[in-house]
C-alpha atoms as a PDB file:
ATOM      1  CA  MET A   1       0.045  -0.007   0.086  1.00  0.00           C
ATOM      2  CA  ILE A   2       1.097   3.722  -0.867  1.00  0.00           C
ATOM      3  CA  GLU A   3       1.393   5.717   2.522  1.00  0.00           C
ATOM      4  CA  LEU A   4      -0.124   8.950   2.535  1.00  0.00           C
ATOM      5  CA  LYS A   5       0.701  11.450   5.012  1.00  0.00           C
ATOM      6  CA  THR A   6      -1.153  14.039   6.879  1.00  0.00           C
ATOM      7  CA  PRO A   7       0.325  17.906   6.815  1.00  0.00           C
ATOM      8  CA  ASP A   8       1.398  16.940  10.542  1.00  0.00           C
ATOM      9  CA  GLU A   9       3.372  14.159   9.192  1.00  0.00           C
ATOM     10  CA  LEU A  10       4.901  16.197   6.701  1.00  0.00           C
ATOM     11  CA  ARG A  11       6.045  18.321   8.867  1.00  0.00           C
ATOM     12  CA  LEU A  12       7.656  15.733  10.764  1.00  0.00           C
ATOM     13  CA  MET A  13       9.388  14.482   7.721  1.00  0.00           C
ATOM     14  CA  ARG A  14      10.729  18.111   6.950  1.00  0.00           C
ATOM     15  CA  ARG A  15      12.487  17.970  10.233  1.00  0.00           C
ATOM     16  CA  ALA A  16      14.210  14.878   9.389  1.00  0.00           C
ATOM     17  CA  GLY A  17      14.904  16.287   5.997  1.00  0.00           C
ATOM     18  CA  LEU A  18      16.699  19.455   7.320  1.00  0.00           C
ATOM     19  CA  VAL A  19      18.851  16.860   9.372  1.00  0.00           C
ATOM     20  CA  VAL A  20      19.753  14.935   6.245  1.00  0.00           C
ATOM     21  CA  ALA A  21      20.543  18.239   4.552  1.00  0.00           C
ATOM     22  CA  GLU A  22      22.571  19.710   7.355  1.00  0.00           C
ATOM     23  CA  GLY A  23      24.595  16.087   7.507  1.00  0.00           C
ATOM     24  CA  LEU A  24      25.113  15.994   3.674  1.00  0.00           C
ATOM     25  CA  ASP A  25      26.456  19.775   3.698  1.00  0.00           C
ATOM     26  CA  ALA A  26      28.968  18.622   6.620  1.00  0.00           C
ATOM     27  CA  MET A  27      30.140  15.394   4.915  1.00  0.00           C
ATOM     28  CA  VAL A  28      30.838  16.908   1.732  1.00  0.00           C
ATOM     29  CA  ALA A  29      32.790  19.886   3.298  1.00  0.00           C
ATOM     30  CA  ALA A  30      34.623  16.970   5.096  1.00  0.00           C
ATOM     31  CA  ALA A  31      35.111  14.835   1.994  1.00  0.00           C
ATOM     32  CA  ARG A  32      39.022  15.969   1.344  1.00  0.00           C
ATOM     33  CA  ALA A  33      41.993  14.364  -0.224  1.00  0.00           C
ATOM     34  CA  GLY A  34      43.689  12.378   2.580  1.00  0.00           C
ATOM     35  CA  VAL A  35      40.263  11.681   4.527  1.00  0.00           C
ATOM     36  CA  THR A  36      38.987   8.363   4.610  1.00  0.00           C
ATOM     37  CA  THR A  37      35.357   7.412   4.185  1.00  0.00           C
ATOM     38  CA  ALA A  38      35.045   6.053   7.834  1.00  0.00           C
ATOM     39  CA  GLU A  39      36.034   9.739   8.736  1.00  0.00           C
ATOM     40  CA  VAL A  40      33.320  11.461   6.516  1.00  0.00           C
ATOM     41  CA  ASP A  41      30.857   8.832   7.949  1.00  0.00           C
ATOM     42  CA  ALA A  42      31.640   9.940  11.382  1.00  0.00           C
ATOM     43  CA  VAL A  43      30.866  13.574  10.620  1.00  0.00           C
ATOM     44  CA  GLY A  44      27.299  12.347   9.650  1.00  0.00           C
ATOM     45  CA  ARG A  45      27.239  10.485  12.967  1.00  0.00           C
ATOM     46  CA  GLU A  46      28.072  13.704  14.760  1.00  0.00           C
ATOM     47  CA  VAL A  47      25.070  15.541  13.009  1.00  0.00           C
ATOM     48  CA  LEU A  48      22.713  12.889  13.957  1.00  0.00           C
ATOM     49  CA  ALA A  49      23.658  12.722  17.643  1.00  0.00           C
ATOM     50  CA  ARG A  50      23.225  16.654  17.814  1.00  0.00           C
ATOM     51  CA  HIS A  51      19.765  16.682  16.694  1.00  0.00           C
ATOM     52  CA  GLY A  52      18.735  13.524  18.222  1.00  0.00           C
ATOM     53  CA  ALA A  53      17.959  11.480  15.322  1.00  0.00           C
ATOM     54  CA  THR A  54      18.649   8.196  14.373  1.00  0.00           C
ATOM     55  CA  SER A  55      20.178   6.587  11.132  1.00  0.00           C
ATOM     56  CA  SER A  56      17.870   5.045   8.449  1.00  0.00           C
ATOM     57  CA  PHE A  57      20.943   3.475   7.365  1.00  0.00           C
ATOM     58  CA  LEU A  58      22.555   1.864  10.365  1.00  0.00           C
ATOM     59  CA  GLY A  59      22.055  -1.878  10.762  1.00  0.00           C
ATOM     60  CA  TYR A  60      19.822  -1.562   7.512  1.00  0.00           C
ATOM     61  CA  GLY A  61      19.620  -5.122   6.192  1.00  0.00           C
ATOM     62  CA  ALA A  62      20.208  -7.190   9.389  1.00  0.00           C
ATOM     63  CA  ASP A  63      17.186  -9.382   8.621  1.00  0.00           C
ATOM     64  CA  TYR A  64      19.210 -10.574   5.506  1.00  0.00           C
ATOM     65  CA  GLY A  65      22.066 -11.032   7.266  1.00  0.00           C
ATOM     66  CA  ALA A  66      24.332  -8.124   6.038  1.00  0.00           C
ATOM     67  CA  PRO A  67      23.763  -5.077   8.297  1.00  0.00           C
ATOM     68  CA  PHE A  68      24.926  -1.877   6.759  1.00  0.00           C
ATOM     69  CA  PRO A  69      27.771  -0.660   9.083  1.00  0.00           C
ATOM     70  CA  GLY A  70      27.463   2.949   8.530  1.00  0.00           C
ATOM     71  CA  VAL A  71      25.173   6.124   8.539  1.00  0.00           C
ATOM     72  CA  ALA A  72      25.980   7.184   5.036  1.00  0.00           C
ATOM     73  CA  CYS A  73      26.574   5.037   1.733  1.00  0.00           C
ATOM     74  CA  ILE A  74      30.159   6.481   0.769  1.00  0.00           C
ATOM     75  CA  SER A  75      30.434   5.459  -3.090  1.00  0.00           C
ATOM     76  CA  THR A  76      33.995   6.355  -5.003  1.00  0.00           C
ATOM     77  CA  ASN A  77      34.163   6.543  -9.021  1.00  0.00           C
ATOM     78  CA  ASN A  78      32.984   3.328 -10.199  1.00  0.00           C
ATOM     79  CA  GLU A  79      31.530   2.448  -7.027  1.00  0.00           C
ATOM     80  CA  LEU A  80      27.865   3.458  -7.860  1.00  0.00           C
ATOM     81  CA  VAL A  81      25.932   3.075  -4.854  1.00  0.00           C
ATOM     82  CA  HIS A  82      25.943   1.444  -1.275  1.00  0.00           C
ATOM     83  CA  GLY A  83      29.548   1.715  -0.501  1.00  0.00           C
ATOM     84  CA  ILE A  84      30.371   0.830   2.713  1.00  0.00           C
ATOM     85  CA  PRO A  85      32.652   3.773   4.588  1.00  0.00           C
ATOM     86  CA  GLY A  86      35.753   2.443   5.900  1.00  0.00           C
ATOM     87  CA  GLU A  87      39.811   3.050   5.388  1.00  0.00           C
ATOM     88  CA  ARG A  88      39.674   4.203   1.744  1.00  0.00           C
ATOM     89  CA  VAL A  89      41.612   7.386   1.596  1.00  0.00           C
ATOM     90  CA  LEU A  90      40.298  10.035  -0.740  1.00  0.00           C
ATOM     91  CA  GLN A  91      42.341  11.257  -3.492  1.00  0.00           C
ATOM     92  CA  GLU A  92      42.356  14.557  -5.749  1.00  0.00           C
ATOM     93  CA  GLY A  93      39.869  14.160  -8.337  1.00  0.00           C
ATOM     94  CA  ASP A  94      37.804  11.259  -6.927  1.00  0.00           C
ATOM     95  CA  VAL A  95      34.069  11.304  -7.828  1.00  0.00           C
ATOM     96  CA  VAL A  96      32.409  10.675  -4.311  1.00  0.00           C
ATOM     97  CA  SER A  97      28.554   9.894  -3.639  1.00  0.00           C
ATOM     98  CA  ILE A  98      27.436  10.278  -0.344  1.00  0.00           C
ATOM     99  CA  ASP A  99      23.880   8.911   0.537  1.00  0.00           C
ATOM    100  CA  PHE A 100      22.453   9.570   4.028  1.00  0.00           C
ATOM    101  CA  GLY A 101      19.068   9.006   5.784  1.00  0.00           C
ATOM    102  CA  ALA A 102      17.743  10.387   9.251  1.00  0.00           C
ATOM    103  CA  ILE A 103      14.761   9.403  11.484  1.00  0.00           C
ATOM    104  CA  VAL A 104      13.008  11.992  13.615  1.00  0.00           C
ATOM    105  CA  ASP A 105      10.016  10.987  15.693  1.00  0.00           C
ATOM    106  CA  GLY A 106       9.617   7.951  13.540  1.00  0.00           C
ATOM    107  CA  TRP A 107       9.623   9.727  10.207  1.00  0.00           C
ATOM    108  CA  HIS A 108      12.242   9.288   7.253  1.00  0.00           C
ATOM    109  CA  GLY A 109      14.404  11.692   5.342  1.00  0.00           C
ATOM    110  CA  ASP A 110      16.573  10.491   2.343  1.00  0.00           C
ATOM    111  CA  ALA A 111      19.136  12.292  -0.032  1.00  0.00           C
ATOM    112  CA  ALA A 112      22.446  11.939  -1.758  1.00  0.00           C
ATOM    113  CA  ARG A 113      24.849  14.085  -3.427  1.00  0.00           C
ATOM    114  CA  THR A 114      27.759  13.448  -5.637  1.00  0.00           C
ATOM    115  CA  ILE A 115      31.001  15.799  -5.460  1.00  0.00           C
ATOM    116  CA  ILE A 116      34.492  16.059  -6.815  1.00  0.00           C
ATOM    117  CA  VAL A 117      37.428  15.854  -4.286  1.00  0.00           C
ATOM    118  CA  GLY A 118      39.689  19.090  -5.427  1.00  0.00           C
ATOM    119  CA  ALA A 119      39.814  19.540  -9.024  1.00  0.00           C
ATOM    120  CA  GLY A 120      37.908  16.806 -11.310  1.00  0.00           C
ATOM    121  CA  ALA A 121      37.940  15.943 -15.108  1.00  0.00           C
ATOM    122  CA  PRO A 122      35.331  17.860 -17.131  1.00  0.00           C
ATOM    123  CA  GLU A 123      33.666  14.629 -17.854  1.00  0.00           C
ATOM    124  CA  ASP A 124      33.008  14.100 -14.102  1.00  0.00           C
ATOM    125  CA  GLU A 125      31.737  17.670 -13.714  1.00  0.00           C
ATOM    126  CA  ALA A 126      28.981  17.368 -16.925  1.00  0.00           C
ATOM    127  CA  LEU A 127      28.104  13.591 -15.235  1.00  0.00           C
ATOM    128  CA  ILE A 128      27.306  15.296 -11.934  1.00  0.00           C
ATOM    129  CA  ALA A 129      25.681  18.121 -13.426  1.00  0.00           C
ATOM    130  CA  ALA A 130      23.509  15.897 -15.518  1.00  0.00           C
ATOM    131  CA  THR A 131      22.408  13.709 -12.439  1.00  0.00           C
ATOM    132  CA  ARG A 132      21.673  16.658 -10.680  1.00  0.00           C
ATOM    133  CA  GLU A 133      19.173  18.381 -13.020  1.00  0.00           C
ATOM    134  CA  ALA A 134      17.870  14.932 -13.952  1.00  0.00           C
ATOM    135  CA  PHE A 135      16.661  14.986 -10.349  1.00  0.00           C
ATOM    136  CA  TRP A 136      14.934  18.465 -10.853  1.00  0.00           C
ATOM    137  CA  ALA A 137      13.393  17.364 -14.159  1.00  0.00           C
ATOM    138  CA  GLY A 138      11.794  14.295 -12.169  1.00  0.00           C
ATOM    139  CA  ALA A 139      10.592  16.480  -9.338  1.00  0.00           C
ATOM    140  CA  ALA A 140       8.930  19.172 -11.514  1.00  0.00           C
ATOM    141  CA  ALA A 141       6.798  16.185 -12.819  1.00  0.00           C
ATOM    142  CA  MET A 142       5.336  15.243  -9.322  1.00  0.00           C
ATOM    143  CA  ARG A 143       1.967  16.502  -9.001  1.00  0.00           C
ATOM    144  CA  ASP A 144      -1.450  15.739  -7.843  1.00  0.00           C
ATOM    145  CA  GLY A 145      -3.187  13.687 -10.082  1.00  0.00           C
ATOM    146  CA  GLY A 146      -0.280  12.548 -12.076  1.00  0.00           C
ATOM    147  CA  ARG A 147       1.378   9.365 -12.143  1.00  0.00           C
ATOM    148  CA  VAL A 148       4.779   7.985 -11.098  1.00  0.00           C
ATOM    149  CA  GLY A 149       5.316   7.227 -14.420  1.00  0.00           C
ATOM    150  CA  ASP A 150       5.376  11.069 -15.302  1.00  0.00           C
ATOM    151  CA  VAL A 151       8.297  11.143 -13.021  1.00  0.00           C
ATOM    152  CA  SER A 152      10.109   8.623 -14.460  1.00  0.00           C
ATOM    153  CA  LYS A 153       9.497   9.763 -18.099  1.00  0.00           C
ATOM    154  CA  ALA A 154      10.981  13.373 -17.028  1.00  0.00           C
ATOM    155  CA  ILE A 155      14.147  11.997 -15.804  1.00  0.00           C
ATOM    156  CA  GLU A 156      14.467   9.737 -18.873  1.00  0.00           C
ATOM    157  CA  GLY A 157      13.478  12.594 -21.305  1.00  0.00           C
ATOM    158  CA  TYR A 158      16.032  14.728 -19.552  1.00  0.00           C
ATOM    159  CA  VAL A 159      18.866  12.285 -19.768  1.00  0.00           C
ATOM    160  CA  LYS A 160      18.222  11.383 -23.373  1.00  0.00           C
ATOM    161  CA  GLY A 161      18.225  15.056 -24.536  1.00  0.00           C
ATOM    162  CA  LEU A 162      21.635  15.690 -23.470  1.00  0.00           C
ATOM    163  CA  PRO A 163      24.402  15.767 -25.932  1.00  0.00           C
ATOM    164  CA  THR A 164      26.624  13.225 -24.143  1.00  0.00           C
ATOM    165  CA  ARG A 165      25.044   9.698 -23.649  1.00  0.00           C
ATOM    166  CA  TYR A 166      24.818   8.566 -19.944  1.00  0.00           C
ATOM    167  CA  GLY A 167      23.953   5.004 -18.648  1.00  0.00           C
ATOM    168  CA  THR A 168      21.198   5.117 -16.311  1.00  0.00           C
ATOM    169  CA  LEU A 169      21.010   2.328 -13.908  1.00  0.00           C
ATOM    170  CA  ARG A 170      17.929  -0.106 -13.896  1.00  0.00           C
ATOM    171  CA  GLU A 171      18.287  -2.207 -10.887  1.00  0.00           C
ATOM    172  CA  TYR A 172      18.390   0.552  -8.669  1.00  0.00           C
ATOM    173  CA  THR A 173      15.447   3.037  -8.232  1.00  0.00           C
ATOM    174  CA  GLY A 174      13.738   5.607  -6.520  1.00  0.00           C
ATOM    175  CA  HIS A 175      10.967   4.528  -3.743  1.00  0.00           C
ATOM    176  CA  GLY A 176       8.317   5.800  -1.346  1.00  0.00           C
ATOM    177  CA  ILE A 177       9.489   7.130   1.838  1.00  0.00           C
ATOM    178  CA  GLY A 178       7.855   8.001   5.256  1.00  0.00           C
ATOM    179  CA  SER A 179       7.264   5.914   8.294  1.00  0.00           C
ATOM    180  CA  GLU A 180       9.857   3.231   6.564  1.00  0.00           C
ATOM    181  CA  MET A 181      12.763   4.440   4.488  1.00  0.00           C
ATOM    182  CA  HIS A 182      12.157   2.122   1.386  1.00  0.00           C
ATOM    183  CA  MET A 183       8.227   2.016   0.685  1.00  0.00           C
ATOM    184  CA  GLU A 184       5.618   1.579  -2.293  1.00  0.00           C
ATOM    185  CA  PRO A 185       5.993   2.725  -4.991  1.00  0.00           C
ATOM    186  CA  ASP A 186       9.171   2.262  -6.804  1.00  0.00           C
ATOM    187  CA  VAL A 187      10.294   5.372  -8.694  1.00  0.00           C
ATOM    188  CA  PRO A 188      12.265   4.032 -11.952  1.00  0.00           C
ATOM    189  CA  ASN A 189      14.612   6.213 -13.608  1.00  0.00           C
ATOM    190  CA  TRP A 190      13.323   5.144 -17.019  1.00  0.00           C
ATOM    191  CA  HIS A 191      10.104   5.065 -18.531  1.00  0.00           C
ATOM    192  CA  ARG A 192       8.324   1.986 -18.372  1.00  0.00           C
ATOM    193  CA  ARG A 193       5.208   1.637 -20.864  1.00  0.00           C
ATOM    194  CA  ARG A 194       2.681   0.431 -18.373  1.00  0.00           C
ATOM    195  CA  PRO A 195       0.399   1.686 -15.525  1.00  0.00           C
ATOM    196  CA  THR A 196       1.992   3.223 -12.709  1.00  0.00           C
ATOM    197  CA  PRO A 197       0.325   4.348  -9.543  1.00  0.00           C
ATOM    198  CA  ARG A 198      -1.633   7.730  -9.251  1.00  0.00           C
ATOM    199  CA  LEU A 199       0.119  10.608  -7.407  1.00  0.00           C
ATOM    200  CA  SER A 200      -1.678  12.797  -4.866  1.00  0.00           C
ATOM    201  CA  VAL A 201      -1.687  15.050  -1.632  1.00  0.00           C
ATOM    202  CA  GLY A 202       0.267  13.313   1.030  1.00  0.00           C
ATOM    203  CA  MET A 203       2.723  11.116  -1.255  1.00  0.00           C
ATOM    204  CA  ALA A 204       6.218  11.488  -0.541  1.00  0.00           C
ATOM    205  CA  LEU A 205       9.041  10.016  -3.073  1.00  0.00           C
ATOM    206  CA  ALA A 206      12.772   9.563  -2.605  1.00  0.00           C
ATOM    207  CA  ILE A 207      13.508  10.516  -6.600  1.00  0.00           C
ATOM    208  CA  GLU A 208      17.120   9.631  -7.070  1.00  0.00           C
ATOM    209  CA  PRO A 209      18.631   9.604 -10.476  1.00  0.00           C
ATOM    210  CA  MET A 210      21.648   7.256 -10.796  1.00  0.00           C
ATOM    211  CA  LEU A 211      23.917   7.778 -13.834  1.00  0.00           C
ATOM    212  CA  THR A 212      27.074   6.667 -15.472  1.00  0.00           C
ATOM    213  CA  THR A 213      29.481   7.564 -18.012  1.00  0.00           C
ATOM    214  CA  GLY A 214      29.464   4.129 -19.620  1.00  0.00           C
ATOM    215  CA  THR A 215      26.825   1.634 -19.525  1.00  0.00           C
ATOM    216  CA  HIS A 216      23.892   0.756 -16.978  1.00  0.00           C
ATOM    217  CA  GLN A 217      25.219  -2.656 -16.294  1.00  0.00           C
ATOM    218  CA  THR A 218      26.096  -3.210 -12.829  1.00  0.00           C
ATOM    219  CA  LEU A 219      28.015  -5.886 -10.635  1.00  0.00           C
ATOM    220  CA  GLU A 220      27.668  -6.046  -6.838  1.00  0.00           C
ATOM    221  CA  LEU A 221      31.076  -6.846  -4.507  1.00  0.00           C
ATOM    222  CA  ASP A 222      31.339  -9.420  -2.294  1.00  0.00           C
ATOM    223  CA  ASP A 223      30.592  -7.233   0.550  1.00  0.00           C
ATOM    224  CA  ASP A 224      26.924  -7.826  -0.574  1.00  0.00           C
ATOM    225  CA  TRP A 225      26.475  -4.056  -0.521  1.00  0.00           C
ATOM    226  CA  THR A 226      28.821  -2.173  -2.893  1.00  0.00           C
ATOM    227  CA  VAL A 227      27.630  -1.899  -6.643  1.00  0.00           C
ATOM    228  CA  VAL A 228      30.107  -0.969  -9.003  1.00  0.00           C
ATOM    229  CA  SER A 229      29.924  -0.231 -12.755  1.00  0.00           C
ATOM    230  CA  ARG A 230      30.576  -3.517 -14.955  1.00  0.00           C
ATOM    231  CA  ASP A 231      32.618  -1.106 -17.511  1.00  0.00           C
ATOM    232  CA  GLY A 232      34.626   0.509 -14.791  1.00  0.00           C
ATOM    233  CA  SER A 233      32.992   4.133 -15.565  1.00  0.00           C
ATOM    234  CA  ASN A 234      32.393   6.694 -13.066  1.00  0.00           C
ATOM    235  CA  GLY A 235      28.874   7.052 -11.483  1.00  0.00           C
ATOM    236  CA  SER A 236      26.930   9.897  -9.742  1.00  0.00           C
ATOM    237  CA  HIS A 237      23.915   9.819  -7.534  1.00  0.00           C
ATOM    238  CA  TRP A 238      21.376  12.880  -6.860  1.00  0.00           C
ATOM    239  CA  GLU A 239      18.596  12.341  -4.651  1.00  0.00           C
ATOM    240  CA  ASN A 240      16.040  14.509  -2.514  1.00  0.00           C
ATOM    241  CA  THR A 241      12.829  13.538  -0.543  1.00  0.00           C
ATOM    242  CA  VAL A 242      10.143  15.127  -2.219  1.00  0.00           C
ATOM    243  CA  ALA A 243       6.362  15.501  -0.838  1.00  0.00           C
ATOM    244  CA  ILE A 244       3.048  16.547  -2.659  1.00  0.00           C
ATOM    245  CA  THR A 245       1.350  18.984  -0.154  1.00  0.00           C
ATOM    246  CA  GLU A 246      -1.986  20.819  -0.430  1.00  0.00           C
ATOM    247  CA  LYS A 247      -0.105  23.698  -1.932  1.00  0.00           C
ATOM    248  CA  GLY A 248       2.460  22.131  -4.237  1.00  0.00           C
ATOM    249  CA  ILE A 249       5.640  20.288  -4.135  1.00  0.00           C
ATOM    250  CA  TRP A 250       7.969  20.395  -1.111  1.00  0.00           C
ATOM    251  CA  VAL A 251      11.563  18.861  -1.333  1.00  0.00           C
ATOM    252  CA  LEU A 252      12.092  18.049   2.321  1.00  0.00           C
ATOM    253  CA  THR A 253      15.840  17.632   1.883  1.00  0.00           C
ATOM    254  CA  GLU A 254      16.911  20.539   0.505  1.00  0.00           C
ATOM    255  CA  HIS A 255      17.421  23.907   2.899  1.00  0.00           C
ATOM    256  CA  ASP A 256      15.228  25.867   0.929  1.00  0.00           C
ATOM    257  CA  GLY A 257      12.291  23.250   0.208  1.00  0.00           C
ATOM    258  CA  GLY A 258      13.213  23.657  -3.511  1.00  0.00           C
ATOM    259  CA  ALA A 259      11.940  27.114  -3.888  1.00  0.00           C
ATOM    260  CA  ALA A 260      14.724  28.269  -5.888  1.00  0.00           C
ATOM    261  CA  ARG A 261      14.248  25.572  -8.365  1.00  0.00           C
ATOM    262  CA  LEU A 262      10.506  24.897  -8.661  1.00  0.00           C
ATOM    263  CA  GLY A 263       9.053  28.073  -8.895  1.00  0.00           C
ATOM    264  CA  GLU A 264       5.364  28.244  -8.728  1.00  0.00           C
ATOM    265  CA  LEU A 265       5.148  24.474  -8.112  1.00  0.00           C
ATOM    266  CA  PHE A 266       6.726  24.876  -4.593  1.00  0.00           C
ATOM    267  CA  GLY A 267       4.223  24.591  -1.941  1.00  0.00           C
ATOM    268  CA  PRO A 268       5.602  24.012   1.718  1.00  0.00           C
ATOM    269  CA  LEU A 269       3.342  23.426   4.566  1.00  0.00           C
ATOM    270  CA  ALA A 270       5.602  25.073   7.126  1.00  0.00           C
ATOM    271  CA  ASP A 271       9.292  25.420   7.920  1.00  0.00           C
END
């Protein structure tokens, strides 16, 4: 079943979303050459503790035998998603994706950013920009009365319209979010020609384009988490938690709620 939130529940999700936004800012600032990914993860832990929030990620998957050991997924270069923080030392030019989730009063926020450590290759800069703008294309298509497929179609259309060809991950998708981190419906980053759920006020989706400079094909490493590109190409991941309110669209994990990018579509309930 798809969970519809009340205005008060969306306000609680906004609190979790702001913790996520602050944590991502702090971890992005900490991701410098010479720093380990475990040290970046520790910065996220400190933000959660300061706000009395808990992690959406820490221990996730325990029911399947491989609990995730960090509060953030930190994936580097050809690691696309679900990278485990550890002793890897970041280097100048590394492409680093940081995925972070927080729980406040039982409600989740989830977002991801991709950066380059120091100066990066132009093709990696373009990849990150493409992924970020694909997210905003998808968010702008999320409206009461529409369908999940409208979001997928907008993301795919944006990526296909670019002069550079990118691979779009297919095994991994966006998702519903609220009282749990992963909920119905799935939100693919490509358009599937079949009926998809109707969008309505109270729905919240984690919209998360995941692109590579090569193909969409992936492999999972023996750690049961880290997903890498099969062809060794670099990847980028951009995600936000987005809600449909009575007034419009509210990006719960952006500091400004999405106001600067959504224009008349922007519709917060409070801040």
